[in-house]
Amino acid sequence: MAGFLGKKFPAPVARPMAPFYISGLVILYGVNAAANAMMHGDEFKNDPRNPLNKNPSADAH
């Protein structure tokens, strides 16, 4: 099985990539916060695609 994957090099992967992982988590948190803010906003409150919309007529297709 080792011949199928090739030679294993002891190169560090997690430590040099840590800033990218952290920045990705920060971006995901920001996008989630923005989406939640828009769902509670006045502009999208009555949108039928809003999962927080409690209007039963919006579910009828």
PDB file of N, CA and C in Angstrom:
ATOM      1  N   MET A   1       0.815  -1.193   0.000  1.00  0.00           N
ATOM      2  CA  MET A   1       0.000   0.000   0.000  1.00  0.00           C
ATOM      3  C   MET A   1       0.861   1.261   0.000  1.00  0.00           C
ATOM      4  N   ALA A   2       2.035   1.202   0.616  1.00  0.00           N
ATOM      5  CA  ALA A   2       2.903   2.363   0.647  1.00  0.00           C
ATOM      6  C   ALA A   2       3.410   2.716  -0.748  1.00  0.00           C
ATOM      7  N   GLY A   3       3.589   1.720  -1.608  1.00  0.00           N
ATOM      8  CA  GLY A   3       4.030   1.993  -2.966  1.00  0.00           C
ATOM      9  C   GLY A   3       2.961   2.680  -3.795  1.00  0.00           C
ATOM     10  N   PHE A   4       1.700   2.445  -3.460  1.00  0.00           N
ATOM     11  CA  PHE A   4       0.599   3.052  -4.199  1.00  0.00           C
ATOM     12  C   PHE A   4       0.530   4.561  -3.942  1.00  0.00           C
ATOM     13  N   LEU A   5       0.775   4.985  -2.713  1.00  0.00           N
ATOM     14  CA  LEU A   5       0.696   6.399  -2.363  1.00  0.00           C
ATOM     15  C   LEU A   5       1.986   7.152  -2.620  1.00  0.00           C
ATOM     16  N   GLY A   6       3.071   6.462  -2.817  1.00  0.00           N
ATOM     17  CA  GLY A   6       4.342   7.119  -3.035  1.00  0.00           C
ATOM     18  C   GLY A   6       5.120   7.270  -1.743  1.00  0.00           C
ATOM     19  N   LYS A   7       6.211   8.000  -1.830  1.00  0.00           N
ATOM     20  CA  LYS A   7       7.067   8.179  -0.666  1.00  0.00           C
ATOM     21  C   LYS A   7       6.461   9.202   0.293  1.00  0.00           C
ATOM     22  N   LYS A   8       6.551   8.906   1.573  1.00  0.00           N
ATOM     23  CA  LYS A   8       6.028   9.802   2.598  1.00  0.00           C
ATOM     24  C   LYS A   8       7.118  10.775   3.024  1.00  0.00           C
ATOM     25  N   PHE A   9       6.837  12.066   2.903  1.00  0.00           N
ATOM     26  CA  PHE A   9       7.786  13.092   3.308  1.00  0.00           C
ATOM     27  C   PHE A   9       7.345  13.689   4.638  1.00  0.00           C
ATOM     28  N   PRO A  10       8.283  13.903   5.562  1.00  0.00           N
ATOM     29  CA  PRO A  10       7.903  14.461   6.868  1.00  0.00           C
ATOM     30  C   PRO A  10       7.740  15.989   6.830  1.00  0.00           C
ATOM     31  N   ALA A  11       6.852  16.464   6.005  1.00  0.00           N
ATOM     32  CA  ALA A  11       6.646  17.911   5.870  1.00  0.00           C
ATOM     33  C   ALA A  11       5.535  18.356   6.820  1.00  0.00           C
ATOM     34  N   PRO A  12       5.722  19.482   7.509  1.00  0.00           N
ATOM     35  CA  PRO A  12       4.663  19.987   8.378  1.00  0.00           C
ATOM     36  C   PRO A  12       3.507  20.549   7.535  1.00  0.00           C
ATOM     37  N   VAL A  13       2.299  20.227   7.915  1.00  0.00           N
ATOM     38  CA  VAL A  13       1.136  20.695   7.166  1.00  0.00           C
ATOM     39  C   VAL A  13       0.247  21.577   8.035  1.00  0.00           C
ATOM     40  N   ALA A  14      -0.065  21.122   9.243  1.00  0.00           N
ATOM     41  CA  ALA A  14      -1.038  21.837  10.074  1.00  0.00           C
ATOM     42  C   ALA A  14      -0.497  23.179  10.563  1.00  0.00           C
ATOM     43  N   ARG A  15       0.753  23.240  10.992  1.00  0.00           N
ATOM     44  CA  ARG A  15       1.277  24.485  11.563  1.00  0.00           C
ATOM     45  C   ARG A  15       1.389  25.607  10.518  1.00  0.00           C
ATOM     46  N   PRO A  16       1.895  25.379   9.310  1.00  0.00           N
ATOM     47  CA  PRO A  16       1.932  26.486   8.338  1.00  0.00           C
ATOM     48  C   PRO A  16       0.546  26.885   7.829  1.00  0.00           C
ATOM     49  N   MET A  17      -0.409  25.953   7.867  1.00  0.00           N
ATOM     50  CA  MET A  17      -1.745  26.255   7.371  1.00  0.00           C
ATOM     51  C   MET A  17      -2.665  26.820   8.443  1.00  0.00           C
ATOM     52  N   ALA A  18      -2.217  26.887   9.695  1.00  0.00           N
ATOM     53  CA  ALA A  18      -3.070  27.332  10.806  1.00  0.00           C
ATOM     54  C   ALA A  18      -3.667  28.722  10.589  1.00  0.00           C
ATOM     55  N   PRO A  19      -2.923  29.721  10.096  1.00  0.00           N
ATOM     56  CA  PRO A  19      -3.567  31.028   9.868  1.00  0.00           C
ATOM     57  C   PRO A  19      -4.712  30.969   8.861  1.00  0.00           C
ATOM     58  N   PHE A  20      -4.590  30.108   7.869  1.00  0.00           N
ATOM     59  CA  PHE A  20      -5.654  29.976   6.874  1.00  0.00           C
ATOM     60  C   PHE A  20      -6.874  29.289   7.469  1.00  0.00           C
ATOM     61  N   TYR A  21      -6.660  28.286   8.314  1.00  0.00           N
ATOM     62  CA  TYR A  21      -7.776  27.628   8.988  1.00  0.00           C
ATOM     63  C   TYR A  21      -8.495  28.610   9.905  1.00  0.00           C
ATOM     64  N   ILE A  22      -7.737  29.392  10.651  1.00  0.00           N
ATOM     65  CA  ILE A  22      -8.331  30.351  11.587  1.00  0.00           C
ATOM     66  C   ILE A  22      -9.094  31.432  10.828  1.00  0.00           C
ATOM     67  N   SER A  23      -8.503  31.948   9.759  1.00  0.00           N
ATOM     68  CA  SER A  23      -9.199  32.985   8.993  1.00  0.00           C
ATOM     69  C   SER A  23     -10.452  32.427   8.324  1.00  0.00           C
ATOM     70  N   GLY A  24     -10.421  31.175   7.909  1.00  0.00           N
ATOM     71  CA  GLY A  24     -11.616  30.546   7.352  1.00  0.00           C
ATOM     72  C   GLY A  24     -12.734  30.451   8.375  1.00  0.00           C
ATOM     73  N   LEU A  25     -12.394  30.112   9.612  1.00  0.00           N
ATOM     74  CA  LEU A  25     -13.401  30.055  10.665  1.00  0.00           C
ATOM     75  C   LEU A  25     -13.966  31.442  10.972  1.00  0.00           C
ATOM     76  N   VAL A  26     -13.107  32.466  10.947  1.00  0.00           N
ATOM     77  CA  VAL A  26     -13.583  33.832  11.191  1.00  0.00           C
ATOM     78  C   VAL A  26     -14.540  34.266  10.078  1.00  0.00           C
ATOM     79  N   ILE A  27     -14.210  33.949   8.837  1.00  0.00           N
ATOM     80  CA  ILE A  27     -15.078  34.302   7.713  1.00  0.00           C
ATOM     81  C   ILE A  27     -16.413  33.568   7.822  1.00  0.00           C
ATOM     82  N   LEU A  28     -16.386  32.273   8.153  1.00  0.00           N
ATOM     83  CA  LEU A  28     -17.633  31.522   8.303  1.00  0.00           C
ATOM     84  C   LEU A  28     -18.495  32.086   9.426  1.00  0.00           C
ATOM     85  N   TYR A  29     -17.867  32.484  10.530  1.00  0.00           N
ATOM     86  CA  TYR A  29     -18.613  33.094  11.625  1.00  0.00           C
ATOM     87  C   TYR A  29     -19.259  34.400  11.176  1.00  0.00           C
ATOM     88  N   GLY A  30     -18.528  35.205  10.422  1.00  0.00           N
ATOM     89  CA  GLY A  30     -19.067  36.475   9.937  1.00  0.00           C
ATOM     90  C   GLY A  30     -20.217  36.285   8.959  1.00  0.00           C
ATOM     91  N   VAL A  31     -20.105  35.319   8.069  1.00  0.00           N
ATOM     92  CA  VAL A  31     -21.178  35.048   7.113  1.00  0.00           C
ATOM     93  C   VAL A  31     -22.421  34.553   7.852  1.00  0.00           C
ATOM     94  N   ASN A  32     -22.225  33.693   8.858  1.00  0.00           N
ATOM     95  CA  ASN A  32     -23.354  33.204   9.642  1.00  0.00           C
ATOM     96  C   ASN A  32     -24.022  34.337  10.402  1.00  0.00           C
ATOM     97  N   ALA A  33     -23.243  35.226  10.989  1.00  0.00           N
ATOM     98  CA  ALA A  33     -23.811  36.356  11.718  1.00  0.00           C
ATOM     99  C   ALA A  33     -24.580  37.281  10.772  1.00  0.00           C
ATOM    100  N   ALA A  34     -24.055  37.510   9.586  1.00  0.00           N
ATOM    101  CA  ALA A  34     -24.742  38.366   8.616  1.00  0.00           C
ATOM    102  C   ALA A  34     -26.042  37.726   8.143  1.00  0.00           C
ATOM    103  N   ALA A  35     -26.032  36.425   7.909  1.00  0.00           N
ATOM    104  CA  ALA A  35     -27.250  35.732   7.475  1.00  0.00           C
ATOM    105  C   ALA A  35     -28.314  35.766   8.559  1.00  0.00           C
ATOM    106  N   ASN A  36     -27.905  35.569   9.804  1.00  0.00           N
ATOM    107  CA  ASN A  36     -28.869  35.636  10.901  1.00  0.00           C
ATOM    108  C   ASN A  36     -29.422  37.043  11.052  1.00  0.00           C
ATOM    109  N   ALA A  37     -28.588  38.053  10.879  1.00  0.00           N
ATOM    110  CA  ALA A  37     -29.061  39.425  10.975  1.00  0.00           C
ATOM    111  C   ALA A  37     -30.046  39.744   9.855  1.00  0.00           C
ATOM    112  N   MET A  38     -29.795  39.232   8.656  1.00  0.00           N
ATOM    113  CA  MET A  38     -30.717  39.479   7.553  1.00  0.00           C
ATOM    114  C   MET A  38     -32.040  38.749   7.741  1.00  0.00           C
ATOM    115  N   MET A  39     -32.008  37.555   8.354  1.00  0.00           N
ATOM    116  CA  MET A  39     -33.261  36.832   8.587  1.00  0.00           C
ATOM    117  C   MET A  39     -34.154  37.578   9.571  1.00  0.00           C
ATOM    118  N   HIS A  40     -33.547  38.289  10.511  1.00  0.00           N
ATOM    119  CA  HIS A  40     -34.317  39.037  11.501  1.00  0.00           C
ATOM    120  C   HIS A  40     -34.601  40.463  11.059  1.00  0.00           C
ATOM    121  N   GLY A  41     -34.062  40.877   9.919  1.00  0.00           N
ATOM    122  CA  GLY A  41     -34.234  42.248   9.451  1.00  0.00           C
ATOM    123  C   GLY A  41     -35.609  42.494   8.865  1.00  0.00           C
ATOM    124  N   ASP A  42     -35.967  43.765   8.729  1.00  0.00           N
ATOM    125  CA  ASP A  42     -37.286  44.138   8.215  1.00  0.00           C
ATOM    126  C   ASP A  42     -37.437  43.830   6.728  1.00  0.00           C
ATOM    127  N   GLU A  43     -36.343  43.894   5.994  1.00  0.00           N
ATOM    128  CA  GLU A  43     -36.431  43.712   4.540  1.00  0.00           C
ATOM    129  C   GLU A  43     -36.827  42.285   4.157  1.00  0.00           C
ATOM    130  N   PHE A  44     -36.315  41.302   4.902  1.00  0.00           N
ATOM    131  CA  PHE A  44     -36.563  39.901   4.558  1.00  0.00           C
ATOM    132  C   PHE A  44     -37.499  39.211   5.541  1.00  0.00           C
ATOM    133  N   LYS A  45     -38.172  39.972   6.400  1.00  0.00           N
ATOM    134  CA  LYS A  45     -39.018  39.359   7.426  1.00  0.00           C
ATOM    135  C   LYS A  45     -40.198  38.606   6.808  1.00  0.00           C
ATOM    136  N   ASN A  46     -40.791  39.133   5.746  1.00  0.00           N
ATOM    137  CA  ASN A  46     -41.968  38.525   5.128  1.00  0.00           C
ATOM    138  C   ASN A  46     -41.637  37.714   3.880  1.00  0.00           C
ATOM    139  N   ASP A  47     -40.371  37.471   3.629  1.00  0.00           N
ATOM    140  CA  ASP A  47     -39.963  36.673   2.471  1.00  0.00           C
ATOM    141  C   ASP A  47     -40.372  35.224   2.681  1.00  0.00           C
ATOM    142  N   PRO A  48     -41.047  34.587   1.722  1.00  0.00           N
ATOM    143  CA  PRO A  48     -41.467  33.190   1.918  1.00  0.00           C
ATOM    144  C   PRO A  48     -40.297  32.209   2.033  1.00  0.00           C
ATOM    145  N   ARG A  49     -39.105  32.605   1.597  1.00  0.00           N
ATOM    146  CA  ARG A  49     -37.942  31.719   1.723  1.00  0.00           C
ATOM    147  C   ARG A  49     -37.285  31.807   3.083  1.00  0.00           C
ATOM    148  N   ASN A  50     -37.734  32.745   3.917  1.00  0.00           N
ATOM    149  CA  ASN A  50     -37.153  32.918   5.237  1.00  0.00           C
ATOM    150  C   ASN A  50     -37.610  31.782   6.150  1.00  0.00           C
ATOM    151  N   PRO A  51     -36.677  31.017   6.745  1.00  0.00           N
ATOM    152  CA  PRO A  51     -37.096  29.907   7.613  1.00  0.00           C
ATOM    153  C   PRO A  51     -37.761  30.381   8.899  1.00  0.00           C
ATOM    154  N   LEU A  52     -37.606  31.635   9.272  1.00  0.00           N
ATOM    155  CA  LEU A  52     -38.246  32.147  10.480  1.00  0.00           C
ATOM    156  C   LEU A  52     -39.646  32.679  10.218  1.00  0.00           C
ATOM    157  N   ASN A  53     -40.076  32.682   8.964  1.00  0.00           N
ATOM    158  CA  ASN A  53     -41.391  33.176   8.611  1.00  0.00           C
ATOM    159  C   ASN A  53     -42.444  32.194   9.106  1.00  0.00           C
ATOM    160  N   LYS A  54     -43.391  32.676   9.913  1.00  0.00           N
ATOM    161  CA  LYS A  54     -44.420  31.806  10.492  1.00  0.00           C
ATOM    162  C   LYS A  54     -45.719  31.843   9.698  1.00  0.00           C
ATOM    163  N   ASN A  55     -45.722  32.435   8.525  1.00  0.00           N
ATOM    164  CA  ASN A  55     -46.924  32.532   7.713  1.00  0.00           C
ATOM    165  C   ASN A  55     -47.227  31.169   7.085  1.00  0.00           C
ATOM    166  N   PRO A  56     -48.360  30.526   7.416  1.00  0.00           N
ATOM    167  CA  PRO A  56     -48.640  29.193   6.857  1.00  0.00           C
ATOM    168  C   PRO A  56     -48.930  29.224   5.367  1.00  0.00           C
ATOM    169  N   SER A  57     -49.399  30.352   4.821  1.00  0.00           N
ATOM    170  CA  SER A  57     -49.677  30.404   3.394  1.00  0.00           C
ATOM    171  C   SER A  57     -48.391  30.436   2.564  1.00  0.00           C
ATOM    172  N   ALA A  58     -47.282  30.765   3.203  1.00  0.00           N
ATOM    173  CA  ALA A  58     -46.013  30.794   2.470  1.00  0.00           C
ATOM    174  C   ALA A  58     -45.490  29.383   2.203  1.00  0.00           C
ATOM    175  N   ASP A  59     -45.959  28.394   2.985  1.00  0.00           N
ATOM    176  CA  ASP A  59     -45.507  27.019   2.776  1.00  0.00           C
ATOM    177  C   ASP A  59     -46.261  26.322   1.648  1.00  0.00           C
ATOM    178  N   ALA A  60     -47.419  26.822   1.271  1.00  0.00           N
ATOM    179  CA  ALA A  60     -48.209  26.198   0.218  1.00  0.00           C
ATOM    180  C   ALA A  60     -47.563  26.488  -1.138  1.00  0.00           C
ATOM    181  N   HIS A  61     -47.317  25.443  -1.900  1.00  0.00           N
ATOM    182  CA  HIS A  61     -46.700  25.606  -3.223  1.00  0.00           C
ATOM    183  C   HIS A  61     -47.702  25.334  -4.303  1.00  0.00           C
TER     184      HIS A  61
END
